[in-house]
Amino acid sequence: MKQYTFSDMNRSSGEILEAAMIEPVVLTKHGKEKLFVLSARDYHRMRGEPSPTKSYSLHDMPDDVHEELMSGLGAILEPVKDDARDDV
């Protein structure tokens, strides 16, 4: 785990936050750990919460996910159907 001081955070916050997106980092003050900075994904995983992103195959997809997928595809394809009708 990378370690930075509070002074480092003032000088290079962008670099430190980018590092925290990859792995948790610790911020120290006077040589003592004071804060941990971690991504939302790591935070939710640490709390034992389910992943906010989940993948399914077409065969094991829950009904509500299937309905949402079909609705989204319909919204995407509808303008294509309307354009095809205009050409007739």
N, C-alpha and C. Protein backbone atom coordinates (compact mmCIF):
# COMPACT_ATOMS: atom_id res chain seq x y z
N MET A 1 0.85 -1.17 0.00
CA MET A 1 0.00 0.00 0.00
C MET A 1 0.90 1.24 0.00
N LYS A 2 0.57 2.17 -0.88
CA LYS A 2 1.36 3.40 -0.95
C LYS A 2 1.01 4.30 0.23
N GLN A 3 2.00 5.08 0.63
CA GLN A 3 1.84 5.94 1.79
C GLN A 3 2.24 7.36 1.40
N TYR A 4 1.43 8.33 1.80
CA TYR A 4 1.71 9.74 1.52
C TYR A 4 1.48 10.54 2.79
N THR A 5 2.11 11.70 2.84
CA THR A 5 1.88 12.61 3.96
C THR A 5 0.76 13.58 3.60
N PHE A 6 0.25 14.28 4.59
CA PHE A 6 -0.74 15.32 4.32
C PHE A 6 -0.13 16.39 3.41
N SER A 7 1.14 16.69 3.61
CA SER A 7 1.83 17.68 2.75
C SER A 7 1.87 17.19 1.31
N ASP A 8 2.12 15.89 1.11
CA ASP A 8 2.09 15.32 -0.24
C ASP A 8 0.72 15.54 -0.87
N MET A 9 -0.33 15.35 -0.08
CA MET A 9 -1.69 15.50 -0.58
C MET A 9 -1.93 16.93 -1.05
N ASN A 10 -1.41 17.90 -0.32
CA ASN A 10 -1.56 19.30 -0.72
C ASN A 10 -0.83 19.59 -2.03
N ARG A 11 0.31 18.95 -2.24
CA ARG A 11 1.12 19.21 -3.43
C ARG A 11 0.69 18.38 -4.64
N SER A 12 0.26 17.15 -4.40
CA SER A 12 0.03 16.21 -5.52
C SER A 12 -1.27 15.45 -5.36
N SER A 13 -2.35 16.15 -5.07
CA SER A 13 -3.61 15.44 -4.80
C SER A 13 -4.07 14.61 -5.98
N GLY A 14 -3.90 15.11 -7.20
CA GLY A 14 -4.35 14.35 -8.38
C GLY A 14 -3.64 13.02 -8.50
N GLU A 15 -2.34 13.03 -8.31
CA GLU A 15 -1.55 11.80 -8.39
C GLU A 15 -1.97 10.81 -7.30
N ILE A 16 -2.19 11.32 -6.10
CA ILE A 16 -2.57 10.45 -4.98
C ILE A 16 -3.96 9.86 -5.20
N LEU A 17 -4.88 10.67 -5.68
CA LEU A 17 -6.23 10.15 -5.94
C LEU A 17 -6.23 9.12 -7.06
N GLU A 18 -5.40 9.33 -8.08
CA GLU A 18 -5.27 8.33 -9.14
C GLU A 18 -4.73 7.02 -8.58
N ALA A 19 -3.74 7.11 -7.68
CA ALA A 19 -3.19 5.91 -7.05
C ALA A 19 -4.27 5.20 -6.23
N ALA A 20 -5.13 5.97 -5.57
CA ALA A 20 -6.19 5.39 -4.73
C ALA A 20 -7.24 4.68 -5.57
N MET A 21 -7.36 5.03 -6.85
CA MET A 21 -8.31 4.33 -7.72
C MET A 21 -7.79 2.93 -8.04
N ILE A 22 -6.49 2.72 -7.94
CA ILE A 22 -5.88 1.43 -8.24
C ILE A 22 -5.79 0.56 -6.99
N GLU A 23 -5.37 1.17 -5.88
CA GLU A 23 -5.27 0.45 -4.61
C GLU A 23 -5.40 1.47 -3.48
N PRO A 24 -5.84 1.04 -2.31
CA PRO A 24 -5.95 1.98 -1.19
C PRO A 24 -4.60 2.61 -0.88
N VAL A 25 -4.64 3.87 -0.46
CA VAL A 25 -3.43 4.57 -0.02
C VAL A 25 -3.67 5.08 1.40
N VAL A 26 -2.59 5.27 2.12
CA VAL A 26 -2.69 5.78 3.49
C VAL A 26 -2.08 7.17 3.53
N LEU A 27 -2.76 8.08 4.25
CA LEU A 27 -2.23 9.42 4.48
C LEU A 27 -1.74 9.48 5.92
N THR A 28 -0.53 10.00 6.08
CA THR A 28 0.06 10.07 7.42
C THR A 28 0.29 11.51 7.84
N LYS A 29 0.32 11.70 9.14
CA LYS A 29 0.65 13.00 9.72
C LYS A 29 1.59 12.73 10.88
N HIS A 30 2.73 13.35 10.85
CA HIS A 30 3.76 13.13 11.87
C HIS A 30 4.11 11.65 11.99
N GLY A 31 4.13 10.96 10.83
CA GLY A 31 4.54 9.56 10.80
C GLY A 31 3.47 8.56 11.23
N LYS A 32 2.28 9.04 11.54
CA LYS A 32 1.21 8.13 12.00
C LYS A 32 0.08 8.08 10.98
N GLU A 33 -0.46 6.89 10.76
CA GLU A 33 -1.59 6.73 9.83
C GLU A 33 -2.79 7.52 10.35
N LYS A 34 -3.34 8.34 9.49
CA LYS A 34 -4.51 9.15 9.88
C LYS A 34 -5.73 8.85 9.01
N LEU A 35 -5.52 8.67 7.71
CA LEU A 35 -6.63 8.45 6.79
C LEU A 35 -6.26 7.40 5.75
N PHE A 36 -7.27 6.66 5.32
CA PHE A 36 -7.12 5.76 4.19
C PHE A 36 -8.01 6.30 3.08
N VAL A 37 -7.49 6.29 1.86
CA VAL A 37 -8.25 6.72 0.69
C VAL A 37 -8.36 5.52 -0.22
N LEU A 38 -9.61 5.17 -0.59
CA LEU A 38 -9.81 4.01 -1.44
C LEU A 38 -10.96 4.24 -2.39
N SER A 39 -11.00 3.47 -3.44
CA SER A 39 -12.06 3.60 -4.45
C SER A 39 -13.39 3.15 -3.86
N ALA A 40 -14.46 3.59 -4.48
CA ALA A 40 -15.80 3.17 -4.05
C ALA A 40 -15.93 1.65 -4.17
N ARG A 41 -15.35 1.08 -5.23
CA ARG A 41 -15.41 -0.37 -5.41
C ARG A 41 -14.76 -1.08 -4.23
N ASP A 42 -13.57 -0.63 -3.81
CA ASP A 42 -12.89 -1.24 -2.67
C ASP A 42 -13.68 -1.04 -1.38
N TYR A 43 -14.26 0.14 -1.22
CA TYR A 43 -15.05 0.42 -0.02
C TYR A 43 -16.23 -0.54 0.10
N HIS A 44 -16.99 -0.68 -0.99
CA HIS A 44 -18.17 -1.57 -0.97
C HIS A 44 -17.75 -3.02 -0.76
N ARG A 45 -16.66 -3.42 -1.37
CA ARG A 45 -16.16 -4.78 -1.19
C ARG A 45 -15.75 -5.00 0.27
N MET A 46 -15.08 -4.02 0.87
CA MET A 46 -14.64 -4.11 2.26
C MET A 46 -15.84 -4.26 3.20
N ARG A 47 -16.94 -3.59 2.88
CA ARG A 47 -18.15 -3.66 3.70
C ARG A 47 -18.97 -4.92 3.43
N GLY A 48 -18.53 -5.71 2.48
CA GLY A 48 -19.24 -6.95 2.16
C GLY A 48 -20.51 -6.73 1.37
N GLU A 49 -20.63 -5.58 0.74
CA GLU A 49 -21.82 -5.27 -0.05
C GLU A 49 -21.69 -5.91 -1.43
N PRO A 50 -22.80 -6.23 -2.04
CA PRO A 50 -22.73 -6.83 -3.38
C PRO A 50 -22.15 -5.84 -4.38
N SER A 51 -21.52 -6.38 -5.38
CA SER A 51 -20.94 -5.55 -6.42
C SER A 51 -22.03 -4.77 -7.14
N PRO A 52 -21.83 -3.46 -7.38
CA PRO A 52 -22.85 -2.70 -8.09
C PRO A 52 -22.94 -3.09 -9.57
N THR A 53 -21.92 -3.75 -10.08
CA THR A 53 -21.95 -4.23 -11.46
C THR A 53 -21.91 -5.74 -11.45
N LYS A 54 -22.79 -6.35 -12.19
CA LYS A 54 -22.85 -7.80 -12.25
C LYS A 54 -23.14 -8.17 -13.69
N SER A 55 -22.56 -9.26 -14.12
CA SER A 55 -22.81 -9.70 -15.49
C SER A 55 -23.59 -11.01 -15.46
N TYR A 56 -24.37 -11.21 -16.51
CA TYR A 56 -25.18 -12.41 -16.64
C TYR A 56 -25.05 -12.93 -18.07
N SER A 57 -25.32 -14.21 -18.23
CA SER A 57 -25.48 -14.73 -19.58
C SER A 57 -26.97 -14.62 -19.90
N LEU A 58 -27.32 -14.79 -21.14
CA LEU A 58 -28.73 -14.74 -21.51
C LEU A 58 -29.54 -15.82 -20.82
N HIS A 59 -28.88 -16.91 -20.43
CA HIS A 59 -29.58 -18.04 -19.84
C HIS A 59 -29.84 -17.90 -18.35
N ASP A 60 -29.05 -17.07 -17.65
CA ASP A 60 -29.25 -16.96 -16.20
C ASP A 60 -29.65 -15.55 -15.76
N MET A 61 -30.04 -14.73 -16.71
CA MET A 61 -30.40 -13.35 -16.43
C MET A 61 -31.74 -13.27 -15.69
N PRO A 62 -31.82 -12.53 -14.57
CA PRO A 62 -33.10 -12.35 -13.88
C PRO A 62 -34.10 -11.62 -14.77
N ASP A 63 -35.38 -11.86 -14.54
CA ASP A 63 -36.43 -11.26 -15.38
C ASP A 63 -36.35 -9.74 -15.42
N ASP A 64 -36.12 -9.09 -14.27
CA ASP A 64 -36.09 -7.63 -14.26
C ASP A 64 -34.92 -7.09 -15.08
N VAL A 65 -33.80 -7.77 -15.06
CA VAL A 65 -32.64 -7.35 -15.85
C VAL A 65 -32.94 -7.56 -17.34
N HIS A 66 -33.59 -8.67 -17.67
CA HIS A 66 -33.96 -8.95 -19.07
C HIS A 66 -34.90 -7.87 -19.60
N GLU A 67 -35.91 -7.51 -18.80
CA GLU A 67 -36.86 -6.49 -19.23
C GLU A 67 -36.17 -5.14 -19.44
N GLU A 68 -35.26 -4.79 -18.55
CA GLU A 68 -34.54 -3.53 -18.68
C GLU A 68 -33.65 -3.54 -19.92
N LEU A 69 -33.00 -4.66 -20.18
CA LEU A 69 -32.16 -4.80 -21.37
C LEU A 69 -32.99 -4.65 -22.64
N MET A 70 -34.12 -5.34 -22.70
CA MET A 70 -34.98 -5.28 -23.89
C MET A 70 -35.52 -3.87 -24.10
N SER A 71 -35.88 -3.20 -23.02
CA SER A 71 -36.38 -1.83 -23.12
C SER A 71 -35.29 -0.91 -23.67
N GLY A 72 -34.08 -1.06 -23.16
CA GLY A 72 -32.96 -0.25 -23.65
C GLY A 72 -32.65 -0.51 -25.11
N LEU A 73 -32.66 -1.77 -25.50
CA LEU A 73 -32.42 -2.11 -26.91
C LEU A 73 -33.52 -1.55 -27.79
N GLY A 74 -34.76 -1.62 -27.31
CA GLY A 74 -35.87 -1.06 -28.06
C GLY A 74 -35.72 0.43 -28.28
N ALA A 75 -35.28 1.13 -27.24
CA ALA A 75 -35.08 2.58 -27.35
C ALA A 75 -33.97 2.90 -28.35
N ILE A 76 -32.95 2.07 -28.39
CA ILE A 76 -31.85 2.29 -29.33
C ILE A 76 -32.29 2.00 -30.76
N LEU A 77 -33.05 0.93 -30.95
CA LEU A 77 -33.43 0.50 -32.30
C LEU A 77 -34.61 1.28 -32.86
N GLU A 78 -35.43 1.89 -32.04
CA GLU A 78 -36.61 2.60 -32.51
C GLU A 78 -36.28 3.68 -33.53
N PRO A 79 -35.27 4.53 -33.31
CA PRO A 79 -34.94 5.52 -34.34
C PRO A 79 -34.54 4.88 -35.67
N VAL A 80 -33.92 3.73 -35.64
CA VAL A 80 -33.54 3.02 -36.87
C VAL A 80 -34.79 2.60 -37.61
N LYS A 81 -35.79 2.09 -36.90
CA LYS A 81 -37.05 1.68 -37.53
C LYS A 81 -37.76 2.89 -38.13
N ASP A 82 -37.78 4.02 -37.40
CA ASP A 82 -38.42 5.23 -37.90
C ASP A 82 -37.74 5.73 -39.17
N ASP A 83 -36.40 5.68 -39.21
CA ASP A 83 -35.66 6.10 -40.39
C ASP A 83 -35.98 5.20 -41.58
N ALA A 84 -36.13 3.91 -41.35
CA ALA A 84 -36.44 2.96 -42.42
C ALA A 84 -37.82 3.26 -42.99
N ARG A 85 -38.78 3.64 -42.14
CA ARG A 85 -40.13 3.96 -42.61
C ARG A 85 -40.12 5.23 -43.46
N ASP A 86 -39.26 6.18 -43.13
CA ASP A 86 -39.18 7.42 -43.89
C ASP A 86 -38.68 7.19 -45.31
N ASP A 87 -37.90 6.12 -45.51
CA ASP A 87 -37.35 5.82 -46.83
C ASP A 87 -38.37 5.18 -47.75
N VAL A 88 -39.49 4.70 -47.19
CA VAL A 88 -40.49 3.99 -48.00
C VAL A 88 -41.40 4.95 -48.69
